[in-house]
Amino acid sequence: MSKVCDVCSKSKGTGNNVSHSNRKTRRTFSPNLQAVTVNNKGQKIRLKVCAKCLKSLGKTK
């Protein structure tokens, strides 16, 4: 499963895990993707949308 938002193309980000002793190891931040069915000109389309885009879509269930 691709971890990319179909609306804004948000994808994985990278950063560090920082321990109490200040050691740093690499980690990834995944976007909060939700599967949504959107009505587009009378045609239902299934999209993977991040939570930020989901709020701005004005979706109907």
Protein backbone atom coordinates (compact mmCIF):
# COMPACT_ATOMS: atom_id res chain seq x y z
CA MET A 1 0.00 0.00 0.00
CA SER A 2 1.38 3.35 -1.04
CA LYS A 3 1.69 5.87 1.81
CA VAL A 4 1.00 8.99 -0.26
CA CYS A 5 -2.04 11.29 -0.07
CA ASP A 6 -3.95 11.37 -3.39
CA VAL A 7 -4.92 15.05 -2.92
CA CYS A 8 -1.81 16.87 -1.66
CA SER A 9 0.91 14.22 -2.34
CA LYS A 10 2.04 14.23 1.30
CA SER A 11 4.37 11.27 1.90
CA LYS A 12 6.72 9.88 4.52
CA GLY A 13 8.96 12.27 6.40
CA THR A 14 12.17 11.42 8.22
CA GLY A 15 13.69 12.46 11.51
CA ASN A 16 15.42 11.14 14.59
CA ASN A 17 14.44 9.12 17.64
CA VAL A 18 16.26 10.85 20.48
CA SER A 19 16.85 8.79 23.63
CA HIS A 20 17.30 10.07 27.16
CA SER A 21 21.08 9.76 26.71
CA ASN A 22 20.73 11.88 23.52
CA ARG A 23 21.60 9.06 21.08
CA LYS A 24 19.95 9.57 17.73
CA THR A 25 18.58 6.88 15.41
CA ARG A 26 16.67 7.45 12.18
CA ARG A 27 12.90 7.07 12.03
CA THR A 28 10.03 7.83 9.63
CA PHE A 29 6.84 9.82 10.08
CA SER A 30 3.91 8.40 8.10
CA PRO A 31 0.95 10.62 7.14
CA ASN A 32 -2.44 9.87 8.72
CA LEU A 33 -4.13 8.33 5.65
CA GLN A 34 -7.81 7.42 5.54
CA ALA A 35 -9.65 5.51 2.81
CA VAL A 36 -12.55 7.69 1.56
CA THR A 37 -15.15 7.31 -1.15
CA VAL A 38 -15.72 10.64 -2.94
CA ASN A 39 -18.51 11.47 -5.37
CA ASN A 40 -16.95 13.06 -8.48
CA LYS A 41 -19.48 14.12 -11.14
CA GLY A 42 -21.83 11.26 -10.29
CA GLN A 43 -19.00 8.72 -10.18
CA LYS A 44 -17.75 7.25 -6.89
CA ILE A 45 -13.96 7.25 -6.54
CA ARG A 46 -12.00 5.65 -3.71
CA LEU A 47 -9.08 7.79 -2.51
CA LYS A 48 -6.43 7.63 0.19
CA VAL A 49 -6.53 11.06 1.80
CA CYS A 50 -4.57 12.50 4.73
CA ALA A 51 -6.56 13.79 7.71
CA LYS A 52 -5.74 17.43 6.93
CA CYS A 53 -7.16 17.14 3.38
CA LEU A 54 -10.16 15.17 4.68
CA LYS A 55 -11.20 18.16 6.81
CA SER A 56 -11.01 20.51 3.83
CA LEU A 57 -12.74 18.23 1.30
CA GLY A 58 -16.34 18.89 2.36
CA LYS A 59 -17.13 15.23 1.85
CA THR A 60 -20.56 13.57 1.87
CA LYS A 61 -21.06 10.04 3.13
